[in-house]
Every structure is written in structure tokens, then in C-alpha cells.
Amino acid sequence: MDGITIGIFDSGIGGLTVARAVHEAIPNARLIYFGDTARCPYGDRSPAEVRTFALQIARLLSNFSVDLMVVACNTATAVALDDLRQRCNVPVLGVIEPGARAAVRSGAARIGVIGTVVTIASGAYEQAIHRIAPEAQVFGRACPAFVPLVEQGKLDGPDVEQIVRESLAPLLDAGVEALILGCTHYPLLQSVIQRVAGPHVRVISSAAETAAEVAARCYEGFGTSRASLARPWHLFMTSGAPERMRHALRDWFQWDEAVGVRIVHVSTDALAVVGAQDV
């Protein structure tokens, strides 16, 4: 029986944090990833633009006969998940609900959420948390400077710490006890964020929680035999520079072509043509 193929997409390279977590949870599944680096960050786009981009990418991934799709982008999850679920013929999972559940499980009464302007404005995390814990206090904060830092590979240092400190100040002043990283780029800044937040604040990345849900869905739906491939290859596509994707995979996760990774450039023009078809 053929193995499971999982499609994952993000506005850039931040979704690689989810891809890595999924790989760790289901090491023998094939990953097909798309990072829309040429149009990143999505947090500066209108919701209508983000929905259009998400549907284009979903069509691209569907051409690879994926068994399940993961929207590894909080902004796209916030504004496009319902559309994707209606249009796609495979299960589509987002990253917001797993992160919200983890925050509630932490027992925190005051929960902070950081994300892009669009994600925070959507109120998606607050709604997801209140569906589980209506009594929880939720404090949102847009951190638009974080995604450019990650995309440029600036993950630590005095300048980065100063930006993080200024961005988190209102949430820390509010006394949050848990902090959700509401963007899949942010886990790459997690060590700085935790340092600034202090040991009394639990910093929550939704990547691992999302990966656990993906694994549960795959094993439940396909069984362990189909979830296994002897030696799968993985395809990583980007609308930006393939070399940037290659560096990120190598430097952050020690993945390269030698372990079955292929990296391909897909232009936004080509993506628009593919995405104009039905999903």
C-alpha cells in the first residue's frame, strides 16, 4: 500500500517548524511543502488576498494527491480555513485550535497571543480559547516585525531581543501566564521570546500540537501500514529563492538533498495559473 502524503503550506519558511514537527511525529510520511516567500508576509495583506493565495496553493498541493493538508500559517488559518475545507476533497487542518487547546490545558487564566496584524484582528484565537474556556482572559498583540526577522535569518542578538522586548511589553504588563506563538515563524524566535517573557510565562508553540493532531488523523484514517514508507522523499517548493529554503532546511533542521529532500521554485505567475482551476 502506498504511504501517506501530507501537504503543508505557509507564507514563507516559518511553516518549516510545523513540517519538522510533523516529520518527527510521522517520520515515514512524505511531505509536500510550499512556502510563499515571494508574497510574504501575509500579515500585511488583506484577508481577501490571503484567501486567494491559500486557494492557489491548495490547488498546487492537490496536484500531488496529498491525503491531508495542513495550513501551517496562522494568518491563512484565521481567514481561509473554512473556504479551504469547503473546496478541498481531503481533510484540512489549521494551527489555531491546537494552540488554543494547549494554552487552556496549561491552566493559565490570563493568556497572551502574539501574531500578525490579520491574525490578531480576526479574533480567531480568542474565539477558539473561549469555546473551550469562556472564563479565560485573552490578550492579543500584533508583532509585525517578527516575520521579517525570521525570513532574514535574524534569530537572536541584542537588536532582535530589543524588538521582542518592546513587542511583548504590553502583554507582560498585563500579567499573562501563557503566551501563544500565533505565527509559525515565531518558534524560531522562541528562545529570545522565553528569555524576555521570563520563566513564569509558559510559551506555547502550536507546531507540536498541530503535528500530534496530524498524526492522530493519519493513523486513524489510514492505519500504521499506510503511514509508513521505507524511505520517502520530500518536496519543498517556494515562490522565493530556492537557496533561502535550502539554507533554512540545512541550518535549522540538518535536512538536505542527501536525505531525500528536493527543492523547487514555483513562480507566483505559475501559481496563479494552477490556482485558477478548481481544487
C-alpha atoms as a PDB file:
ATOM      1  CA  MET A   1       0.000   0.000   0.000  1.00  0.00           C
ATOM      2  CA  ASP A   2       1.273   3.477  -0.855  1.00  0.00           C
ATOM      3  CA  GLY A   3       2.353   5.693   2.032  1.00  0.00           C
ATOM      4  CA  ILE A   4       0.701   8.855   3.273  1.00  0.00           C
ATOM      5  CA  THR A   5       1.476  12.168   1.584  1.00  0.00           C
ATOM      6  CA  ILE A   6       0.932  15.317   3.641  1.00  0.00           C
ATOM      7  CA  GLY A   7       0.691  18.763   2.075  1.00  0.00           C
ATOM      8  CA  ILE A   8       1.832  21.725   4.186  1.00  0.00           C
ATOM      9  CA  PHE A   9       1.928  25.406   3.304  1.00  0.00           C
ATOM     10  CA  ASP A  10       2.896  28.719   4.845  1.00  0.00           C
ATOM     11  CA  SER A  11       3.520  32.299   3.807  1.00  0.00           C
ATOM     12  CA  GLY A  12       7.247  31.586   3.908  1.00  0.00           C
ATOM     13  CA  ILE A  13       9.758  29.445   5.735  1.00  0.00           C
ATOM     14  CA  GLY A  14       8.169  29.676   9.182  1.00  0.00           C
ATOM     15  CA  GLY A  15       5.914  26.726   8.416  1.00  0.00           C
ATOM     16  CA  LEU A  16       9.023  24.560   8.347  1.00  0.00           C
ATOM     17  CA  THR A  17       8.612  24.430  12.131  1.00  0.00           C
ATOM     18  CA  VAL A  18       5.353  22.554  11.553  1.00  0.00           C
ATOM     19  CA  ALA A  19       6.906  20.396   8.825  1.00  0.00           C
ATOM     20  CA  ARG A  20       9.676  19.353  11.199  1.00  0.00           C
ATOM     21  CA  ALA A  21       7.172  18.525  13.963  1.00  0.00           C
ATOM     22  CA  VAL A  22       5.043  16.502  11.540  1.00  0.00           C
ATOM     23  CA  HIS A  23       8.133  14.640  10.340  1.00  0.00           C
ATOM     24  CA  GLU A  24       9.049  13.805  13.931  1.00  0.00           C
ATOM     25  CA  ALA A  25       5.509  12.576  14.624  1.00  0.00           C
ATOM     26  CA  ILE A  26       5.210  10.568  11.377  1.00  0.00           C
ATOM     27  CA  PRO A  27       8.805  10.007  10.215  1.00  0.00           C
ATOM     28  CA  ASN A  28       7.881   7.840   7.247  1.00  0.00           C
ATOM     29  CA  ALA A  29       5.213  10.067   5.724  1.00  0.00           C
ATOM     30  CA  ARG A  30       6.030  12.044   2.574  1.00  0.00           C
ATOM     31  CA  LEU A  31       5.915  15.839   2.944  1.00  0.00           C
ATOM     32  CA  ILE A  32       4.998  18.237   0.137  1.00  0.00           C
ATOM     33  CA  TYR A  33       5.657  21.777   1.359  1.00  0.00           C
ATOM     34  CA  PHE A  34       5.051  25.177  -0.205  1.00  0.00           C
ATOM     35  CA  GLY A  35       6.427  28.426   1.212  1.00  0.00           C
ATOM     36  CA  ASP A  36       5.060  31.571  -0.449  1.00  0.00           C
ATOM     37  CA  THR A  37       8.153  33.626   0.347  1.00  0.00           C
ATOM     38  CA  ALA A  38       7.726  35.948  -2.648  1.00  0.00           C
ATOM     39  CA  ARG A  39       4.443  37.238  -1.211  1.00  0.00           C
ATOM     40  CA  CYS A  40       5.442  37.068   2.464  1.00  0.00           C
ATOM     41  CA  PRO A  41       4.392  38.377   4.947  1.00  0.00           C
ATOM     42  CA  TYR A  42       0.692  37.543   4.713  1.00  0.00           C
ATOM     43  CA  GLY A  43       0.065  39.594   7.841  1.00  0.00           C
ATOM     44  CA  ASP A  44       0.375  42.782   5.794  1.00  0.00           C
ATOM     45  CA  ARG A  45      -2.158  41.581   3.198  1.00  0.00           C
ATOM     46  CA  SER A  46      -5.922  41.937   3.149  1.00  0.00           C
ATOM     47  CA  PRO A  47      -7.996  38.892   4.157  1.00  0.00           C
ATOM     48  CA  ALA A  48      -9.271  38.633   0.568  1.00  0.00           C
ATOM     49  CA  GLU A  49      -5.706  38.428  -0.780  1.00  0.00           C
ATOM     50  CA  VAL A  50      -4.764  35.783   1.767  1.00  0.00           C
ATOM     51  CA  ARG A  51      -7.795  33.672   0.841  1.00  0.00           C
ATOM     52  CA  THR A  52      -6.864  33.904  -2.847  1.00  0.00           C
ATOM     53  CA  PHE A  53      -3.278  32.869  -2.158  1.00  0.00           C
ATOM     54  CA  ALA A  54      -4.385  29.989   0.080  1.00  0.00           C
ATOM     55  CA  LEU A  55      -6.717  28.590  -2.576  1.00  0.00           C
ATOM     56  CA  GLN A  56      -3.992  28.843  -5.221  1.00  0.00           C
ATOM     57  CA  ILE A  57      -1.576  26.904  -3.042  1.00  0.00           C
ATOM     58  CA  ALA A  58      -4.199  24.325  -2.120  1.00  0.00           C
ATOM     59  CA  ARG A  59      -4.706  23.606  -5.813  1.00  0.00           C
ATOM     60  CA  LEU A  60      -0.962  23.195  -6.304  1.00  0.00           C
ATOM     61  CA  LEU A  61      -0.706  20.747  -3.407  1.00  0.00           C
ATOM     62  CA  SER A  62      -3.755  18.815  -4.579  1.00  0.00           C
ATOM     63  CA  ASN A  63      -1.904  18.041  -7.818  1.00  0.00           C
ATOM     64  CA  PHE A  64       0.410  15.859  -5.727  1.00  0.00           C
ATOM     65  CA  SER A  65      -2.519  13.747  -4.479  1.00  0.00           C
ATOM     66  CA  VAL A  66      -1.978  14.687  -0.855  1.00  0.00           C
ATOM     67  CA  ASP A  67      -4.030  12.736   1.678  1.00  0.00           C
ATOM     68  CA  LEU A  68      -4.259  15.609   4.139  1.00  0.00           C
ATOM     69  CA  MET A  69      -3.419  19.307   4.058  1.00  0.00           C
ATOM     70  CA  VAL A  70      -2.003  21.433   6.863  1.00  0.00           C
ATOM     71  CA  VAL A  71      -2.350  25.214   6.801  1.00  0.00           C
ATOM     72  CA  ALA A  72       0.890  25.968   8.662  1.00  0.00           C
ATOM     73  CA  CYS A  73       0.142  29.679   8.653  1.00  0.00           C
ATOM     74  CA  ASN A  74      -1.896  31.319  11.381  1.00  0.00           C
ATOM     75  CA  THR A  75      -2.985  34.177   9.130  1.00  0.00           C
ATOM     76  CA  ALA A  76      -4.281  31.823   6.435  1.00  0.00           C
ATOM     77  CA  THR A  77      -5.878  29.603   9.083  1.00  0.00           C
ATOM     78  CA  ALA A  78      -7.664  32.607  10.559  1.00  0.00           C
ATOM     79  CA  VAL A  79      -9.202  33.857   7.316  1.00  0.00           C
ATOM     80  CA  ALA A  80      -9.210  30.956   4.841  1.00  0.00           C
ATOM     81  CA  LEU A  81      -9.627  27.652   6.712  1.00  0.00           C
ATOM     82  CA  ASP A  82     -13.391  27.412   6.213  1.00  0.00           C
ATOM     83  CA  ASP A  83     -13.046  28.161   2.483  1.00  0.00           C
ATOM     84  CA  LEU A  84     -10.323  25.545   2.112  1.00  0.00           C
ATOM     85  CA  ARG A  85     -12.367  22.900   3.908  1.00  0.00           C
ATOM     86  CA  GLN A  86     -15.320  23.575   1.615  1.00  0.00           C
ATOM     87  CA  ARG A  87     -13.214  23.496  -1.558  1.00  0.00           C
ATOM     88  CA  CYS A  88     -10.776  20.654  -0.855  1.00  0.00           C
ATOM     89  CA  ASN A  89     -11.614  16.969  -1.091  1.00  0.00           C
ATOM     90  CA  VAL A  90      -9.136  15.978   1.662  1.00  0.00           C
ATOM     91  CA  PRO A  91      -9.076  16.901   5.373  1.00  0.00           C
ATOM     92  CA  VAL A  92      -7.614  20.366   6.019  1.00  0.00           C
ATOM     93  CA  LEU A  93      -6.141  21.186   9.431  1.00  0.00           C
ATOM     94  CA  GLY A  94      -5.158  24.603  10.752  1.00  0.00           C
ATOM     95  CA  VAL A  95      -2.809  25.644  13.537  1.00  0.00           C
ATOM     96  CA  ILE A  96      -5.049  27.837  15.680  1.00  0.00           C
ATOM     97  CA  GLU A  97      -7.242  25.317  17.504  1.00  0.00           C
ATOM     98  CA  PRO A  98      -4.319  23.058  18.584  1.00  0.00           C
ATOM     99  CA  GLY A  99      -2.520  26.075  20.048  1.00  0.00           C
ATOM    100  CA  ALA A 100      -5.659  27.269  21.810  1.00  0.00           C
ATOM    101  CA  ARG A 101      -6.232  23.833  23.362  1.00  0.00           C
ATOM    102  CA  ALA A 102      -2.632  23.704  24.625  1.00  0.00           C
ATOM    103  CA  ALA A 103      -2.995  27.122  26.267  1.00  0.00           C
ATOM    104  CA  VAL A 104      -6.177  26.092  28.059  1.00  0.00           C
ATOM    105  CA  ARG A 105      -4.571  22.821  29.199  1.00  0.00           C
ATOM    106  CA  SER A 106      -1.745  24.849  30.750  1.00  0.00           C
ATOM    107  CA  GLY A 107      -4.224  26.123  33.332  1.00  0.00           C
ATOM    108  CA  ALA A 108      -3.425  29.781  32.631  1.00  0.00           C
ATOM    109  CA  ALA A 109      -6.217  32.231  33.437  1.00  0.00           C
ATOM    110  CA  ARG A 110      -4.593  35.102  31.505  1.00  0.00           C
ATOM    111  CA  ILE A 111      -3.473  34.059  28.034  1.00  0.00           C
ATOM    112  CA  GLY A 112      -1.480  36.207  25.639  1.00  0.00           C
ATOM    113  CA  VAL A 113      -1.466  35.705  21.884  1.00  0.00           C
ATOM    114  CA  ILE A 114       1.074  37.205  19.507  1.00  0.00           C
ATOM    115  CA  GLY A 115       0.674  37.050  15.741  1.00  0.00           C
ATOM    116  CA  THR A 116       0.357  39.042  12.545  1.00  0.00           C
ATOM    117  CA  VAL A 117      -1.956  42.024  12.222  1.00  0.00           C
ATOM    118  CA  VAL A 118      -4.524  39.951  10.307  1.00  0.00           C
ATOM    119  CA  THR A 119      -4.454  37.035  12.768  1.00  0.00           C
ATOM    120  CA  ILE A 120      -4.897  39.255  15.812  1.00  0.00           C
ATOM    121  CA  ALA A 121      -7.579  41.389  14.133  1.00  0.00           C
ATOM    122  CA  SER A 122      -9.550  38.264  13.221  1.00  0.00           C
ATOM    123  CA  GLY A 123     -10.013  37.327  16.882  1.00  0.00           C
ATOM    124  CA  ALA A 124      -9.620  33.672  15.866  1.00  0.00           C
ATOM    125  CA  TYR A 125      -7.526  32.681  18.877  1.00  0.00           C
ATOM    126  CA  GLU A 126      -9.786  34.450  21.339  1.00  0.00           C
ATOM    127  CA  GLN A 127     -12.816  32.675  19.853  1.00  0.00           C
ATOM    128  CA  ALA A 128     -11.074  29.279  19.883  1.00  0.00           C
ATOM    129  CA  ILE A 129      -9.986  29.704  23.519  1.00  0.00           C
ATOM    130  CA  HIS A 130     -13.387  30.911  24.684  1.00  0.00           C
ATOM    131  CA  ARG A 131     -15.123  27.950  23.059  1.00  0.00           C
ATOM    132  CA  ILE A 132     -13.151  25.773  25.487  1.00  0.00           C
ATOM    133  CA  ALA A 133     -12.693  28.099  28.453  1.00  0.00           C
ATOM    134  CA  PRO A 134     -15.193  31.016  28.415  1.00  0.00           C
ATOM    135  CA  GLU A 135     -13.748  32.391  31.635  1.00  0.00           C
ATOM    136  CA  ALA A 136     -10.191  32.816  30.290  1.00  0.00           C
ATOM    137  CA  GLN A 137      -8.853  36.314  29.726  1.00  0.00           C
ATOM    138  CA  VAL A 138      -7.182  36.679  26.334  1.00  0.00           C
ATOM    139  CA  PHE A 139      -4.803  39.475  25.364  1.00  0.00           C
ATOM    140  CA  GLY A 140      -3.780  39.799  21.719  1.00  0.00           C
ATOM    141  CA  ARG A 141      -0.768  41.646  20.359  1.00  0.00           C
ATOM    142  CA  ALA A 142       0.309  42.031  16.735  1.00  0.00           C
ATOM    143  CA  CYS A 143       4.071  41.705  16.216  1.00  0.00           C
ATOM    144  CA  PRO A 144       4.612  42.597  12.539  1.00  0.00           C
ATOM    145  CA  ALA A 145       8.399  42.896  12.920  1.00  0.00           C
ATOM    146  CA  PHE A 146       8.880  39.223  13.793  1.00  0.00           C
ATOM    147  CA  VAL A 147       8.259  37.576  10.402  1.00  0.00           C
ATOM    148  CA  PRO A 148      10.799  39.759   8.540  1.00  0.00           C
ATOM    149  CA  LEU A 149      13.389  38.922  11.209  1.00  0.00           C
ATOM    150  CA  VAL A 150      12.909  35.186  10.668  1.00  0.00           C
ATOM    151  CA  GLU A 151      12.810  35.429   6.890  1.00  0.00           C
ATOM    152  CA  GLN A 152      16.139  37.298   7.040  1.00  0.00           C
ATOM    153  CA  GLY A 153      17.617  34.677   9.365  1.00  0.00           C
ATOM    154  CA  LYS A 154      17.920  37.070  12.313  1.00  0.00           C
ATOM    155  CA  LEU A 155      17.009  34.795  15.206  1.00  0.00           C
ATOM    156  CA  ASP A 156      18.935  36.240  18.166  1.00  0.00           C
ATOM    157  CA  GLY A 157      21.174  39.084  19.272  1.00  0.00           C
ATOM    158  CA  PRO A 158      20.748  42.415  21.069  1.00  0.00           C
ATOM    159  CA  ASP A 159      18.745  44.078  18.284  1.00  0.00           C
ATOM    160  CA  VAL A 160      16.366  41.129  17.997  1.00  0.00           C
ATOM    161  CA  GLU A 161      15.924  40.974  21.774  1.00  0.00           C
ATOM    162  CA  GLN A 162      15.105  44.685  21.901  1.00  0.00           C
ATOM    163  CA  ILE A 163      12.398  44.298  19.257  1.00  0.00           C
ATOM    164  CA  VAL A 164      10.942  41.312  21.132  1.00  0.00           C
ATOM    165  CA  ARG A 165      11.064  43.153  24.447  1.00  0.00           C
ATOM    166  CA  GLU A 166       9.218  46.191  23.066  1.00  0.00           C
ATOM    167  CA  SER A 167       6.640  43.991  21.337  1.00  0.00           C
ATOM    168  CA  LEU A 168       5.849  41.871  24.397  1.00  0.00           C
ATOM    169  CA  ALA A 169       5.802  44.690  26.954  1.00  0.00           C
ATOM    170  CA  PRO A 170       2.007  45.283  26.961  1.00  0.00           C
ATOM    171  CA  LEU A 171       1.285  41.566  27.413  1.00  0.00           C
ATOM    172  CA  LEU A 172       3.819  41.157  30.201  1.00  0.00           C
ATOM    173  CA  ASP A 173       2.450  44.270  31.896  1.00  0.00           C
ATOM    174  CA  ALA A 174      -0.998  42.623  31.704  1.00  0.00           C
ATOM    175  CA  GLY A 175       0.358  39.644  33.639  1.00  0.00           C
ATOM    176  CA  VAL A 176      -0.154  36.892  31.085  1.00  0.00           C
ATOM    177  CA  GLU A 177       0.679  33.433  32.379  1.00  0.00           C
ATOM    178  CA  ALA A 178       0.816  31.688  28.991  1.00  0.00           C
ATOM    179  CA  LEU A 179       1.870  33.094  25.631  1.00  0.00           C
ATOM    180  CA  ILE A 180       0.765  31.508  22.361  1.00  0.00           C
ATOM    181  CA  LEU A 181       3.108  31.971  19.423  1.00  0.00           C
ATOM    182  CA  GLY A 182       0.332  32.679  16.938  1.00  0.00           C
ATOM    183  CA  CYS A 183       2.549  32.524  13.868  1.00  0.00           C
ATOM    184  CA  THR A 184       4.606  29.559  12.711  1.00  0.00           C
ATOM    185  CA  HIS A 185       7.588  31.846  12.134  1.00  0.00           C
ATOM    186  CA  TYR A 186       7.710  32.731  15.823  1.00  0.00           C
ATOM    187  CA  PRO A 187       9.008  29.394  17.218  1.00  0.00           C
ATOM    188  CA  LEU A 188      12.303  30.218  15.535  1.00  0.00           C
ATOM    189  CA  LEU A 189      12.480  33.194  17.924  1.00  0.00           C
ATOM    190  CA  GLN A 190      11.249  31.141  20.876  1.00  0.00           C
ATOM    191  CA  SER A 191      14.478  31.203  22.873  1.00  0.00           C
ATOM    192  CA  VAL A 192      14.519  35.013  22.764  1.00  0.00           C
ATOM    193  CA  ILE A 193      10.798  35.245  23.487  1.00  0.00           C
ATOM    194  CA  GLN A 194      11.110  32.922  26.500  1.00  0.00           C
ATOM    195  CA  ARG A 195      14.118  34.853  27.781  1.00  0.00           C
ATOM    196  CA  VAL A 196      12.215  38.141  27.588  1.00  0.00           C
ATOM    197  CA  ALA A 197       8.964  36.700  28.984  1.00  0.00           C
ATOM    198  CA  GLY A 198      10.703  35.035  31.908  1.00  0.00           C
ATOM    199  CA  PRO A 199      10.360  31.565  33.437  1.00  0.00           C
ATOM    200  CA  HIS A 200       6.919  32.259  34.934  1.00  0.00           C
ATOM    201  CA  VAL A 201       5.316  32.551  31.467  1.00  0.00           C
ATOM    202  CA  ARG A 202       4.662  29.350  29.539  1.00  0.00           C
ATOM    203  CA  VAL A 203       5.457  29.923  25.858  1.00  0.00           C
ATOM    204  CA  ILE A 204       3.326  27.714  23.600  1.00  0.00           C
ATOM    205  CA  SER A 205       4.137  26.791  20.015  1.00  0.00           C
ATOM    206  CA  SER A 206       1.242  25.273  18.100  1.00  0.00           C
ATOM    207  CA  ALA A 207       3.604  23.317  15.814  1.00  0.00           C
ATOM    208  CA  ALA A 208       3.929  20.274  18.081  1.00  0.00           C
ATOM    209  CA  GLU A 209       0.215  20.340  18.953  1.00  0.00           C
ATOM    210  CA  THR A 210      -0.707  20.507  15.266  1.00  0.00           C
ATOM    211  CA  ALA A 211       1.678  17.658  14.440  1.00  0.00           C
ATOM    212  CA  ALA A 212       0.073  15.474  17.114  1.00  0.00           C
ATOM    213  CA  GLU A 213      -3.341  16.086  15.574  1.00  0.00           C
ATOM    214  CA  VAL A 214      -1.996  15.317  12.094  1.00  0.00           C
ATOM    215  CA  ALA A 215      -0.527  12.042  13.353  1.00  0.00           C
ATOM    216  CA  ALA A 216      -3.781  11.069  15.044  1.00  0.00           C
ATOM    217  CA  ARG A 217      -5.767  11.801  11.881  1.00  0.00           C
ATOM    218  CA  CYS A 218      -3.358   9.854   9.690  1.00  0.00           C
ATOM    219  CA  TYR A 219      -3.152   6.753  11.843  1.00  0.00           C
ATOM    220  CA  GLU A 220      -6.891   6.807  12.484  1.00  0.00           C
ATOM    221  CA  GLY A 221      -7.766   7.270   8.828  1.00  0.00           C
ATOM    222  CA  PHE A 222      -5.119   5.166   7.090  1.00  0.00           C
ATOM    223  CA  GLY A 223      -3.623   2.833   9.694  1.00  0.00           C
ATOM    224  CA  THR A 224       0.018   2.267  10.522  1.00  0.00           C
ATOM    225  CA  SER A 225       0.768   0.321   7.338  1.00  0.00           C
ATOM    226  CA  ARG A 226      -0.094   3.188   5.049  1.00  0.00           C
ATOM    227  CA  ALA A 227       1.543   5.719   7.334  1.00  0.00           C
ATOM    228  CA  SER A 228       4.893   4.053   6.643  1.00  0.00           C
ATOM    229  CA  LEU A 229       7.216   4.431   3.696  1.00  0.00           C
ATOM    230  CA  ALA A 230      10.570   2.690   3.613  1.00  0.00           C
ATOM    231  CA  ARG A 231      12.401   5.851   2.574  1.00  0.00           C
ATOM    232  CA  PRO A 232      10.175   8.723   1.495  1.00  0.00           C
ATOM    233  CA  TRP A 233      11.408  11.710  -0.448  1.00  0.00           C
ATOM    234  CA  HIS A 234      10.162  15.176   0.499  1.00  0.00           C
ATOM    235  CA  LEU A 235       9.427  18.079  -1.844  1.00  0.00           C
ATOM    236  CA  PHE A 236       9.880  21.668  -0.694  1.00  0.00           C
ATOM    237  CA  MET A 237       8.586  24.339  -3.072  1.00  0.00           C
ATOM    238  CA  THR A 238       8.997  28.087  -2.747  1.00  0.00           C
ATOM    239  CA  SER A 239       7.905  31.152  -4.674  1.00  0.00           C
ATOM    240  CA  GLY A 240      11.073  32.869  -3.467  1.00  0.00           C
ATOM    241  CA  ALA A 241      14.744  31.966  -3.708  1.00  0.00           C
ATOM    242  CA  PRO A 242      15.347  28.193  -3.532  1.00  0.00           C
ATOM    243  CA  GLU A 243      18.720  28.877  -1.903  1.00  0.00           C
ATOM    244  CA  ARG A 244      16.973  30.527   1.064  1.00  0.00           C
ATOM    245  CA  MET A 245      14.833  27.411   1.511  1.00  0.00           C
ATOM    246  CA  ARG A 246      17.916  25.217   1.174  1.00  0.00           C
ATOM    247  CA  HIS A 247      19.770  27.200   3.851  1.00  0.00           C
ATOM    248  CA  ALA A 248      16.807  27.082   6.224  1.00  0.00           C
ATOM    249  CA  LEU A 249      16.410  23.311   5.861  1.00  0.00           C
ATOM    250  CA  ARG A 250      20.121  22.725   6.303  1.00  0.00           C
ATOM    251  CA  ASP A 251      20.863  25.217   9.069  1.00  0.00           C
ATOM    252  CA  TRP A 252      17.748  24.719  11.178  1.00  0.00           C
ATOM    253  CA  PHE A 253      16.917  21.056  10.654  1.00  0.00           C
ATOM    254  CA  GLN A 254      20.008  19.465   9.054  1.00  0.00           C
ATOM    255  CA  TRP A 255      17.944  18.378   6.048  1.00  0.00           C
ATOM    256  CA  ASP A 256      19.366  18.375   2.535  1.00  0.00           C
ATOM    257  CA  GLU A 257      19.183  16.518  -0.782  1.00  0.00           C
ATOM    258  CA  ALA A 258      21.192  13.652   0.724  1.00  0.00           C
ATOM    259  CA  VAL A 259      18.257  12.681   2.947  1.00  0.00           C
ATOM    260  CA  GLY A 260      15.638  12.744   0.208  1.00  0.00           C
ATOM    261  CA  VAL A 261      14.835  16.469   0.049  1.00  0.00           C
ATOM    262  CA  ARG A 262      14.073  18.147  -3.260  1.00  0.00           C
ATOM    263  CA  ILE A 263      13.750  21.913  -3.536  1.00  0.00           C
ATOM    264  CA  VAL A 264      11.866  23.542  -6.413  1.00  0.00           C
ATOM    265  CA  HIS A 265      10.982  27.128  -7.358  1.00  0.00           C
ATOM    266  CA  VAL A 266       7.384  27.857  -8.391  1.00  0.00           C
ATOM    267  CA  SER A 267       6.740  31.391  -9.632  1.00  0.00           C
ATOM    268  CA  THR A 268       3.705  33.322  -8.447  1.00  0.00           C
ATOM    269  CA  ASP A 269       2.593  33.597 -12.088  1.00  0.00           C
ATOM    270  CA  ALA A 270       2.614  29.817 -12.435  1.00  0.00           C
ATOM    271  CA  LEU A 271       0.884  29.511  -9.082  1.00  0.00           C
ATOM    272  CA  ALA A 272      -1.895  31.839 -10.216  1.00  0.00           C
ATOM    273  CA  VAL A 273      -2.478  29.748 -13.343  1.00  0.00           C
ATOM    274  CA  VAL A 274      -2.593  26.497 -11.380  1.00  0.00           C
ATOM    275  CA  GLY A 275      -4.725  28.090  -8.709  1.00  0.00           C
ATOM    276  CA  ALA A 276      -7.311  29.298 -11.194  1.00  0.00           C
ATOM    277  CA  GLN A 277      -8.514  25.713 -11.577  1.00  0.00           C
ATOM    278  CA  ASP A 278     -10.939  24.040  -9.217  1.00  0.00           C
ATOM    279  CA  VAL A 279      -9.418  22.476  -6.117  1.00  0.00           C
END
